[in-house]
N, C-alpha and C. Protein backbone atom coordinates (compact mmCIF):
# COMPACT_ATOMS: atom_id res chain seq x y z
N MET A 1 -37.42 -21.56 -14.74
CA MET A 1 -36.30 -20.83 -15.09
C MET A 1 -35.03 -21.50 -14.64
N THR A 2 -34.02 -21.59 -15.49
CA THR A 2 -32.75 -22.35 -14.78
C THR A 2 -31.70 -21.16 -14.49
N SER A 3 -30.79 -21.62 -13.70
CA SER A 3 -29.84 -20.81 -13.30
C SER A 3 -28.90 -20.35 -14.56
N LEU A 4 -28.49 -19.11 -14.45
CA LEU A 4 -27.38 -18.62 -15.48
C LEU A 4 -26.09 -18.72 -14.94
N ALA A 5 -25.89 -19.33 -13.84
CA ALA A 5 -24.40 -19.60 -13.31
C ALA A 5 -23.56 -20.45 -14.41
N THR A 6 -22.40 -19.91 -14.42
CA THR A 6 -21.55 -20.60 -15.48
C THR A 6 -20.20 -21.27 -14.98
N ALA A 7 -19.76 -20.73 -13.81
CA ALA A 7 -18.50 -21.31 -13.33
C ALA A 7 -18.29 -20.78 -11.96
N GLN A 8 -17.32 -21.22 -11.37
CA GLN A 8 -16.78 -20.84 -9.95
C GLN A 8 -15.59 -19.96 -10.42
N ARG A 9 -15.46 -18.80 -10.05
CA ARG A 9 -14.34 -17.73 -10.24
C ARG A 9 -13.60 -17.48 -8.92
N SER A 10 -12.22 -17.47 -9.24
CA SER A 10 -11.34 -17.16 -8.09
C SER A 10 -11.53 -15.51 -7.79
N LEU A 11 -11.59 -15.09 -6.51
CA LEU A 11 -11.63 -13.76 -6.24
C LEU A 11 -10.20 -13.04 -6.33
N ALA A 12 -9.26 -13.88 -6.41
CA ALA A 12 -7.93 -13.38 -6.56
C ALA A 12 -7.59 -13.07 -7.93
N ASP A 13 -8.27 -13.82 -8.90
CA ASP A 13 -8.15 -13.57 -10.23
C ASP A 13 -9.44 -13.97 -11.03
N PRO A 14 -10.39 -13.22 -11.29
CA PRO A 14 -11.68 -13.70 -11.83
C PRO A 14 -11.41 -14.48 -13.21
N SER A 15 -10.38 -14.38 -13.80
CA SER A 15 -10.15 -15.04 -15.14
C SER A 15 -9.87 -16.41 -14.91
N VAL A 16 -9.60 -16.83 -13.61
CA VAL A 16 -9.36 -18.32 -13.27
C VAL A 16 -10.76 -18.86 -12.95
N ARG A 17 -11.28 -19.70 -13.75
CA ARG A 17 -12.54 -20.41 -13.56
C ARG A 17 -12.39 -21.87 -13.38
N HIS A 18 -13.55 -22.44 -12.63
CA HIS A 18 -13.65 -23.79 -12.54
C HIS A 18 -14.95 -24.19 -12.70
N PRO A 19 -15.36 -25.47 -13.05
CA PRO A 19 -16.72 -25.90 -13.18
C PRO A 19 -17.58 -25.64 -12.03
N LEU A 20 -18.83 -25.55 -12.17
CA LEU A 20 -19.78 -25.27 -11.04
C LEU A 20 -19.75 -26.37 -10.08
N GLY A 21 -19.37 -27.55 -10.26
CA GLY A 21 -19.35 -28.53 -9.31
C GLY A 21 -18.18 -29.37 -9.50
N PRO A 22 -17.78 -30.02 -8.47
CA PRO A 22 -18.23 -29.88 -7.00
C PRO A 22 -17.79 -28.52 -6.53
N PRO A 23 -18.48 -28.00 -5.56
CA PRO A 23 -18.16 -26.65 -4.99
C PRO A 23 -16.82 -26.87 -4.41
N LEU A 24 -16.03 -25.73 -4.56
CA LEU A 24 -14.55 -25.74 -4.02
C LEU A 24 -14.69 -25.04 -2.72
N THR A 25 -14.81 -25.70 -1.56
CA THR A 25 -15.06 -25.11 -0.35
C THR A 25 -13.72 -24.69 0.32
N ARG A 26 -12.60 -25.10 -0.09
CA ARG A 26 -11.28 -24.78 0.54
C ARG A 26 -10.58 -23.63 -0.14
N GLY A 27 -11.19 -23.03 -1.07
CA GLY A 27 -10.44 -21.86 -1.85
C GLY A 27 -10.21 -22.37 -3.26
N CYS A 28 -9.76 -21.36 -4.01
CA CYS A 28 -9.23 -21.71 -5.43
C CYS A 28 -7.98 -22.48 -5.31
N PRO A 29 -7.99 -23.73 -5.94
CA PRO A 29 -6.70 -24.60 -6.01
C PRO A 29 -5.59 -23.87 -6.87
N VAL A 30 -5.91 -22.98 -7.82
CA VAL A 30 -4.89 -22.31 -8.60
C VAL A 30 -4.25 -21.09 -8.06
N THR A 31 -5.18 -20.26 -7.63
CA THR A 31 -4.64 -18.97 -6.99
C THR A 31 -4.43 -18.85 -5.51
N SER A 32 -4.89 -19.86 -4.70
CA SER A 32 -4.54 -19.93 -3.23
C SER A 32 -3.11 -20.19 -3.17
N THR A 33 -2.63 -19.76 -1.95
CA THR A 33 -1.07 -20.00 -1.67
C THR A 33 -1.22 -20.67 -0.32
N GLU A 34 0.09 -21.03 0.26
CA GLU A 34 0.24 -21.68 1.64
C GLU A 34 -0.61 -20.77 2.67
N ASP A 35 -0.28 -19.51 2.43
CA ASP A 35 -0.81 -18.46 3.34
C ASP A 35 -2.16 -17.93 3.12
N VAL A 36 -2.74 -18.09 2.01
CA VAL A 36 -3.98 -17.37 1.61
C VAL A 36 -4.82 -18.39 0.86
N ALA A 37 -6.11 -18.70 1.43
CA ALA A 37 -6.97 -19.41 0.56
C ALA A 37 -8.10 -18.52 -0.21
N TYR A 38 -7.79 -18.23 -1.23
CA TYR A 38 -8.76 -17.29 -1.94
C TYR A 38 -9.99 -17.93 -2.30
N PRO A 39 -11.13 -17.21 -1.82
CA PRO A 39 -12.46 -17.94 -1.97
C PRO A 39 -12.79 -17.71 -3.48
N LEU A 40 -13.94 -18.44 -3.74
CA LEU A 40 -14.57 -18.32 -5.04
C LEU A 40 -15.88 -17.74 -5.11
N ASP A 41 -16.32 -17.12 -6.16
CA ASP A 41 -17.66 -16.67 -6.28
C ASP A 41 -18.27 -17.35 -7.60
N ILE A 42 -19.37 -17.07 -7.93
CA ILE A 42 -20.06 -17.71 -9.09
C ILE A 42 -20.12 -16.61 -10.26
N GLY A 43 -19.82 -17.21 -11.31
CA GLY A 43 -19.79 -16.26 -12.52
C GLY A 43 -21.14 -16.66 -13.30
N TYR A 44 -21.77 -15.63 -13.86
CA TYR A 44 -23.04 -15.77 -14.54
C TYR A 44 -23.05 -15.28 -15.98
N ALA A 45 -23.87 -15.78 -16.81
CA ALA A 45 -24.07 -15.17 -18.23
C ALA A 45 -25.21 -14.15 -17.94
N TYR A 46 -24.84 -12.91 -17.50
CA TYR A 46 -25.86 -11.97 -17.22
C TYR A 46 -26.36 -11.41 -18.54
N ASP A 47 -25.87 -11.73 -19.63
CA ASP A 47 -26.37 -11.19 -20.96
C ASP A 47 -27.45 -12.04 -21.47
N ARG A 48 -27.65 -13.17 -20.76
CA ARG A 48 -28.82 -14.11 -20.97
C ARG A 48 -29.94 -13.92 -20.12
N ALA A 49 -29.84 -13.04 -19.16
CA ALA A 49 -30.93 -12.85 -18.14
C ALA A 49 -32.16 -12.33 -18.96
N PRO A 50 -33.35 -12.80 -18.49
CA PRO A 50 -34.47 -12.19 -19.25
C PRO A 50 -34.63 -10.64 -19.09
N ALA A 51 -35.06 -10.00 -20.14
CA ALA A 51 -35.18 -8.54 -20.04
C ALA A 51 -36.02 -8.08 -19.00
N ASP A 52 -37.15 -8.74 -18.80
CA ASP A 52 -38.13 -8.37 -17.92
C ASP A 52 -38.04 -9.05 -16.44
N LEU A 53 -36.93 -9.42 -16.07
CA LEU A 53 -36.71 -10.25 -14.87
C LEU A 53 -37.23 -9.29 -13.65
N PHE A 54 -36.84 -8.05 -13.66
CA PHE A 54 -37.29 -7.06 -12.55
C PHE A 54 -38.70 -6.57 -12.71
N THR A 55 -39.38 -6.66 -13.81
CA THR A 55 -40.61 -6.19 -13.99
C THR A 55 -41.81 -7.05 -14.15
N ARG A 56 -41.50 -8.40 -14.37
CA ARG A 56 -42.66 -9.34 -14.62
C ARG A 56 -43.22 -9.87 -13.20
N PRO A 57 -44.35 -10.33 -13.33
CA PRO A 57 -45.09 -10.69 -12.11
C PRO A 57 -44.06 -11.74 -11.29
N ALA A 58 -44.04 -11.64 -9.96
CA ALA A 58 -43.14 -12.50 -9.22
C ALA A 58 -43.58 -13.83 -9.25
N ALA A 59 -42.60 -14.80 -9.28
CA ALA A 59 -42.77 -16.22 -9.18
C ALA A 59 -42.75 -16.38 -7.60
N HIS A 60 -43.13 -17.50 -7.09
CA HIS A 60 -43.08 -17.87 -5.72
C HIS A 60 -41.65 -18.12 -5.28
N GLY A 61 -41.35 -17.51 -4.14
CA GLY A 61 -40.07 -17.92 -3.41
C GLY A 61 -38.81 -17.51 -4.30
N LEU A 62 -37.82 -18.30 -4.17
CA LEU A 62 -36.50 -17.91 -4.72
C LEU A 62 -36.52 -18.17 -6.12
N GLU A 63 -37.59 -18.92 -6.70
CA GLU A 63 -37.58 -19.25 -8.09
C GLU A 63 -37.57 -18.04 -9.01
N ARG A 64 -38.22 -16.95 -8.48
CA ARG A 64 -38.13 -15.70 -9.33
C ARG A 64 -36.73 -15.24 -9.70
N TRP A 65 -35.88 -15.59 -8.72
CA TRP A 65 -34.50 -15.12 -8.87
C TRP A 65 -33.60 -16.33 -9.36
N ALA A 66 -34.06 -17.42 -9.73
CA ALA A 66 -33.28 -18.52 -10.09
C ALA A 66 -32.20 -18.15 -11.21
N PRO A 67 -32.45 -17.29 -12.16
CA PRO A 67 -31.32 -17.00 -13.06
C PRO A 67 -30.08 -16.49 -12.52
N LEU A 68 -30.24 -15.78 -11.35
CA LEU A 68 -29.23 -15.06 -10.63
C LEU A 68 -28.63 -15.71 -9.41
N LEU A 69 -29.02 -17.08 -9.30
CA LEU A 69 -28.62 -17.93 -8.13
C LEU A 69 -27.93 -19.17 -8.62
N PRO A 70 -27.06 -19.63 -7.82
CA PRO A 70 -26.50 -21.04 -8.33
C PRO A 70 -27.67 -21.91 -8.48
N PRO A 71 -27.45 -22.95 -9.15
CA PRO A 71 -28.50 -23.95 -9.38
C PRO A 71 -29.31 -24.37 -8.10
N LEU A 72 -30.53 -24.36 -8.01
CA LEU A 72 -31.43 -24.67 -6.80
C LEU A 72 -31.74 -26.25 -6.96
N ALA A 73 -30.96 -27.00 -6.16
CA ALA A 73 -31.24 -28.49 -6.24
C ALA A 73 -32.19 -28.93 -5.10
N ALA A 74 -32.16 -28.09 -4.03
CA ALA A 74 -33.14 -28.55 -2.92
C ALA A 74 -34.32 -27.78 -2.97
N PRO A 75 -35.51 -28.58 -2.54
CA PRO A 75 -36.75 -28.04 -2.69
C PRO A 75 -36.92 -26.84 -1.67
N GLY A 76 -37.76 -25.87 -2.01
CA GLY A 76 -38.01 -24.76 -1.02
C GLY A 76 -39.05 -25.00 -0.19
N LEU A 77 -39.14 -24.02 0.96
CA LEU A 77 -40.08 -24.14 1.85
C LEU A 77 -41.00 -22.94 2.05
N GLY A 78 -40.74 -22.12 0.88
CA GLY A 78 -41.61 -20.91 0.77
C GLY A 78 -40.71 -19.67 1.15
N GLU A 79 -39.42 -19.80 1.19
CA GLU A 79 -38.70 -18.60 1.56
C GLU A 79 -38.42 -17.77 0.48
N GLY A 80 -38.15 -16.49 0.82
CA GLY A 80 -38.20 -15.53 -0.32
C GLY A 80 -39.33 -14.58 -0.68
N ASP A 81 -40.32 -14.74 -0.15
CA ASP A 81 -41.62 -13.90 -0.31
C ASP A 81 -41.86 -12.96 0.78
N MET A 82 -40.83 -12.47 1.41
CA MET A 82 -41.10 -11.64 2.66
C MET A 82 -41.58 -10.27 2.17
N PRO A 83 -42.41 -9.75 2.65
CA PRO A 83 -43.02 -8.55 2.24
C PRO A 83 -42.26 -7.32 3.00
N LEU A 84 -42.08 -6.23 2.32
CA LEU A 84 -41.61 -5.05 2.94
C LEU A 84 -42.73 -4.30 3.61
N VAL A 85 -42.64 -3.80 4.86
CA VAL A 85 -43.54 -3.16 5.68
C VAL A 85 -43.12 -1.73 5.88
N GLU A 86 -44.10 -0.73 5.61
CA GLU A 86 -43.65 0.65 5.67
C GLU A 86 -43.97 1.15 7.23
N LEU A 87 -42.98 1.78 7.80
CA LEU A 87 -43.01 2.20 9.15
C LEU A 87 -43.09 3.73 8.93
N PRO A 88 -43.26 4.60 10.00
CA PRO A 88 -43.26 5.91 10.04
C PRO A 88 -42.11 6.53 9.31
N ASP A 89 -42.24 7.76 8.78
CA ASP A 89 -41.23 8.60 8.21
C ASP A 89 -40.56 7.91 6.96
N GLY A 90 -41.25 6.93 6.31
CA GLY A 90 -40.87 6.29 5.02
C GLY A 90 -39.79 5.29 5.09
N VAL A 91 -39.78 4.77 6.43
CA VAL A 91 -38.77 3.64 6.57
C VAL A 91 -39.41 2.35 6.13
N TRP A 92 -38.73 1.51 5.51
CA TRP A 92 -39.25 0.19 5.17
C TRP A 92 -38.44 -0.90 5.88
N VAL A 93 -39.12 -1.92 6.25
CA VAL A 93 -38.41 -3.01 6.83
C VAL A 93 -38.86 -4.34 6.34
N LYS A 94 -37.97 -5.36 6.07
CA LYS A 94 -38.51 -6.57 5.61
C LYS A 94 -39.00 -7.41 6.80
N ASP A 95 -40.15 -7.98 6.57
CA ASP A 95 -40.79 -8.87 7.64
C ASP A 95 -40.31 -10.25 7.68
N GLU A 96 -39.10 -10.57 8.25
CA GLU A 96 -38.53 -11.91 8.16
C GLU A 96 -39.35 -12.92 8.99
N SER A 97 -40.29 -12.46 9.76
CA SER A 97 -41.13 -13.45 10.54
C SER A 97 -42.00 -14.30 9.52
N ARG A 98 -42.01 -14.03 8.29
CA ARG A 98 -42.89 -14.74 7.45
C ARG A 98 -42.12 -15.73 6.81
N ASN A 99 -40.78 -15.89 7.07
CA ASN A 99 -39.98 -17.04 6.65
C ASN A 99 -40.39 -18.36 7.15
N PRO A 100 -40.02 -19.36 6.53
CA PRO A 100 -40.57 -20.60 7.18
C PRO A 100 -40.00 -20.89 8.60
N THR A 101 -38.72 -20.50 9.00
CA THR A 101 -38.27 -20.63 10.25
C THR A 101 -37.99 -19.31 10.97
N TRP A 102 -38.62 -18.22 10.45
CA TRP A 102 -38.61 -16.84 11.01
C TRP A 102 -37.12 -16.29 11.00
N SER A 103 -36.27 -16.91 10.04
CA SER A 103 -34.93 -16.47 10.10
C SER A 103 -34.56 -15.93 8.72
N PRO A 104 -33.74 -14.80 8.67
CA PRO A 104 -33.31 -14.31 7.41
C PRO A 104 -32.27 -15.18 6.80
N LYS A 105 -31.78 -16.35 7.43
CA LYS A 105 -30.95 -17.16 6.93
C LYS A 105 -31.63 -18.24 6.01
N ASP A 106 -32.91 -18.38 5.95
CA ASP A 106 -33.55 -19.35 5.07
C ASP A 106 -33.15 -19.27 3.70
N ARG A 107 -33.05 -18.12 3.09
CA ARG A 107 -32.68 -18.10 1.69
C ARG A 107 -31.21 -18.56 1.52
N PRO A 108 -30.13 -18.14 2.29
CA PRO A 108 -28.87 -18.63 1.98
C PRO A 108 -28.80 -20.19 2.37
N HIS A 109 -29.51 -20.58 3.26
CA HIS A 109 -29.43 -21.86 3.61
C HIS A 109 -30.03 -22.81 2.63
N ARG A 110 -31.01 -22.48 1.78
CA ARG A 110 -31.52 -23.07 0.70
C ARG A 110 -30.43 -23.23 -0.49
N VAL A 111 -29.83 -22.16 -0.69
CA VAL A 111 -28.71 -22.19 -1.67
C VAL A 111 -27.61 -23.07 -1.22
N ALA A 112 -27.10 -23.12 0.00
CA ALA A 112 -26.16 -23.92 0.57
C ALA A 112 -26.64 -25.37 0.50
N VAL A 113 -27.67 -25.77 0.89
CA VAL A 113 -28.19 -27.15 0.78
C VAL A 113 -28.34 -27.58 -0.77
N SER A 114 -28.63 -26.75 -1.52
CA SER A 114 -28.56 -27.11 -2.95
C SER A 114 -27.07 -27.52 -3.42
N ALA A 115 -26.24 -26.67 -3.02
CA ALA A 115 -24.85 -26.96 -3.42
C ALA A 115 -24.51 -28.36 -2.81
N ALA A 116 -24.83 -28.75 -1.61
CA ALA A 116 -24.58 -29.98 -0.95
C ALA A 116 -25.28 -31.21 -1.81
N VAL A 117 -26.59 -30.91 -2.09
CA VAL A 117 -27.37 -31.97 -2.87
C VAL A 117 -26.70 -32.19 -4.18
N ALA A 118 -26.39 -31.06 -4.80
CA ALA A 118 -25.81 -31.14 -6.29
C ALA A 118 -24.53 -31.82 -6.26
N SER A 119 -23.71 -31.76 -5.06
CA SER A 119 -22.33 -32.52 -5.14
C SER A 119 -22.53 -33.86 -4.44
N GLY A 120 -23.79 -34.33 -4.17
CA GLY A 120 -23.80 -35.70 -3.76
C GLY A 120 -23.84 -36.00 -2.26
N ALA A 121 -23.87 -34.84 -1.39
CA ALA A 121 -23.93 -34.93 0.02
C ALA A 121 -25.03 -35.99 0.51
N ARG A 122 -24.87 -36.70 1.47
CA ARG A 122 -25.99 -37.56 2.01
C ARG A 122 -26.24 -36.93 3.45
N PRO A 123 -27.41 -37.18 3.86
CA PRO A 123 -27.82 -36.67 5.29
C PRO A 123 -26.90 -37.45 6.28
N GLY A 124 -26.58 -36.65 7.39
CA GLY A 124 -25.70 -37.50 8.40
C GLY A 124 -26.80 -38.21 9.31
N ARG A 125 -26.33 -38.94 10.16
CA ARG A 125 -27.08 -39.70 10.93
C ARG A 125 -26.61 -39.61 12.39
């Protein structure tokens, strides 16, 4: 499944849109001012999301949620399959120790590295 991401949107004015790439990491060039750099978020074609997205059998890792993520250009390490563990009194916690690096940051790091790969970034030396 591919991403349903359509554009980068200014948080100052969501009607201001930019192509998905390259990522605009210094804020919106249209709505930002000298004093405020307005960040961007990603706009999605939610109306094209599969109707069974939340009920179908889970795909492995972040691929299950690919329609609702920016395009994933970096390979995964198995992040995103963290189980919920029930504790006493009906409390549920996510077992982040099952992430590849034991970090809750594995998922956002894959998305960030994907943006870097998609924009042509090269590994530093």
